[in-house]
């Protein structure tokens, strides 16, 4: 991920009091790496005070679990920008294929630099090994990253990186602004030279094992300097085999049209420039030189971004979208703070200041993660973490649906766009393609999933329930692949998805929805078994799928019946199917306290005696499941899956050792936001106080109190954290910054508030 080594591990534990839903902590240790503050408009920001290197980090599957140089996310629908605590940033584009336009030396890294020369003495400001970067004041907030450097001779420098929010569903500037303020607190005038540049190197993102790394290169054109104000580098795709690209507009794994990187100076007295680094990579940047009087200061600004239209008119238009506020600020704040303030609700009715802060933060991160996809002309919230930001794979459709659940409340336009995206990912028979890679390209893989339609229905039900807007059902929407597979109404897409679930996925010998080789747990086929793979595929049934279908189809048929007269026949068919599933599920449950996990064959089951979390939350959402039985299930769950856990219920009561996934981690007994979210919703149906306690347990605040030496779960997190069963409790082998860590707590909070 970074352009430098990544290490550090200091032992920390989170201890859960027996029988309690909240950790038992003796003191507030949250400030060991920093603290939350408010910017000038009351939005949350993090003041990072910790180290830049973590030399003793543990590893899992050769992945460093506590990386060097903590990472924060800025962005809008057209830009993804990672800012590191050292001042390094990574500029990502996700409009077509995921890629970096300032690729560093390491595979998943960025490269940029800033220096100031004070009376002939040069100071490097950026990088984890630089003294100035280590001692700088660092603030990361909604739409900004700010670095304050105190240097020799009384010189103070502020670098403020600001991203403007997108004003429309497909809009936004694919660029950010850097404002530099140089102050002379000394007693004599000082001659100063400031220069800041970024490496111009494009690299499409691929997984380490993906052959795409070896199939294409992107050499740079000759850098261009325009009027001393704009520096530009374009890149050309150079595939290494014939017929690498399809006709323009058709799905393609490889990036055929990489964007150009530019730097544009917007102040008189500063200029753009071209340079080379020690490895002969192109650098483009902006610089200023002059004299600063005692007690005086000088400010200048420039814009860094990418574009596929390299005309000066286009670059000027992008820069014109970044008009900073002229208001004087007392606290670190984005240059576009007012625009962000209007995008992030205040949540004033929440009495708990920690929950109020975290829900605001969650909204802002989901807005920053949201990404417009050119092939579909839709905006979605990707999962992030390794899937998008390192592997270049928008995985998966079920995840996109989950991330949009809270947006039904906070930004319905994006929620609707996600629904349309999922419909455009649907082939005419109702299959919803799992992953999106490159430019609208659907990769093949080992997973044959059985649940994509269920998560699509879950989002559709919530969108219709919250907004009452049925226009998405009458919209004319293409099937995948677009422009060659026909099109129909949104309602027709829903019908086809239902028929795929009912008739293609089908049910097994127990009347439970089949699993194929995976459901939500798309690593399920790795579970140790002596059974031949074909029998697992043909005979397997998923209690999670059935519980989901019963709960979700109940909600969907209610809102469809209320809002869409044209859906009468579909609603009747869904209700008929739901009753069949409910009868079979209740029969299978019998007098048991909790549902099994799955049938692996006609007569072998998982979860007969040990509990798996996957079906439990959705079981609690089934109205016909009595309150007494829900309470009994929850008591079993607290003993089996919650006891001893810091962040929430682990996925499996008694994991086993299996290749690649150690016991107590990920799909083998880890903690998952995507499983604890439905659990909170289910508990909410009979015990709202317990549900709120579970939500409070899943917060970044709880993580910081429980693991005061870890930065990886303080302002975002991975999709899964290791459970208490392993010494790496609270850490993850996957990269921090995942939408699940924001979407599920926010959605659960919204449901607790609004019903």
Foldseek 3Di string as FASTA:
>chain_A
DAQDFWAADDFFFFFCDFPDQATDFDDFLLPAQWDWDAFQVGAIKTWGQHAQHHHHADAAPNFGFFTGFDWDWFAFQAWTKIATLQGFIWTWGQQFFTKTFQDHPDQQYGDKWKWKAWPNRIATRGDNVGPQSRPWTWMGGQFWIWTWGQDPQRKIKIWIKGAFYAPDFLGGFQKIKIKMKIWHQHQFKIWMKMKIKTFGAMDGFADPPDCVNVFKGWDKDDWDFDPQFKIKIATAIDGPDPPQDDPPLFDHQDAHQDWMKMKGWDDPQKGKDWDADPVRTIIIIMMHIDMAGHRGMDMTMMMIGIDSDPDPVVVVVSVVVDDFDPDDTPGDAHSNRVSLPVLFDQPVVDPDPQLSNQLSLLSSLQSRQWYQHNSQRFIFRAQDWCQCSRRSKRFFLLQRLLLCLLCLPRPLRNLLRSLLVQLQQAALQQDRQTIARGGRDGDDDDFPFQASLLSSLQSVLSNCVSPVDPVQQQDWHAHPPPPPRHTGGSVSSNLSNVCCNPPVQHAAPLLAGAGQCHYPPRCNVQADDPDDNVQQRPHKGFLLRLLSLLLSLVSNLVSCVVRPPVCVVVSVVSVVSSVSSVVSQCVQCDPPLAHFGMASHPPRTHRPPWDFLRNLLSNLSRPVCDPVSNVSNVVVQCVQFVRGWQQGGWGISWFDQTPSAGAQWDNGTWDFLVRLLSNLVSVCVRPPVVSVSNLVSNALSSLCSRGVVHPQSNSWHRRTAGTPVDSRGGTHSIHTDTSSSSSSSNSSVCVSVPD
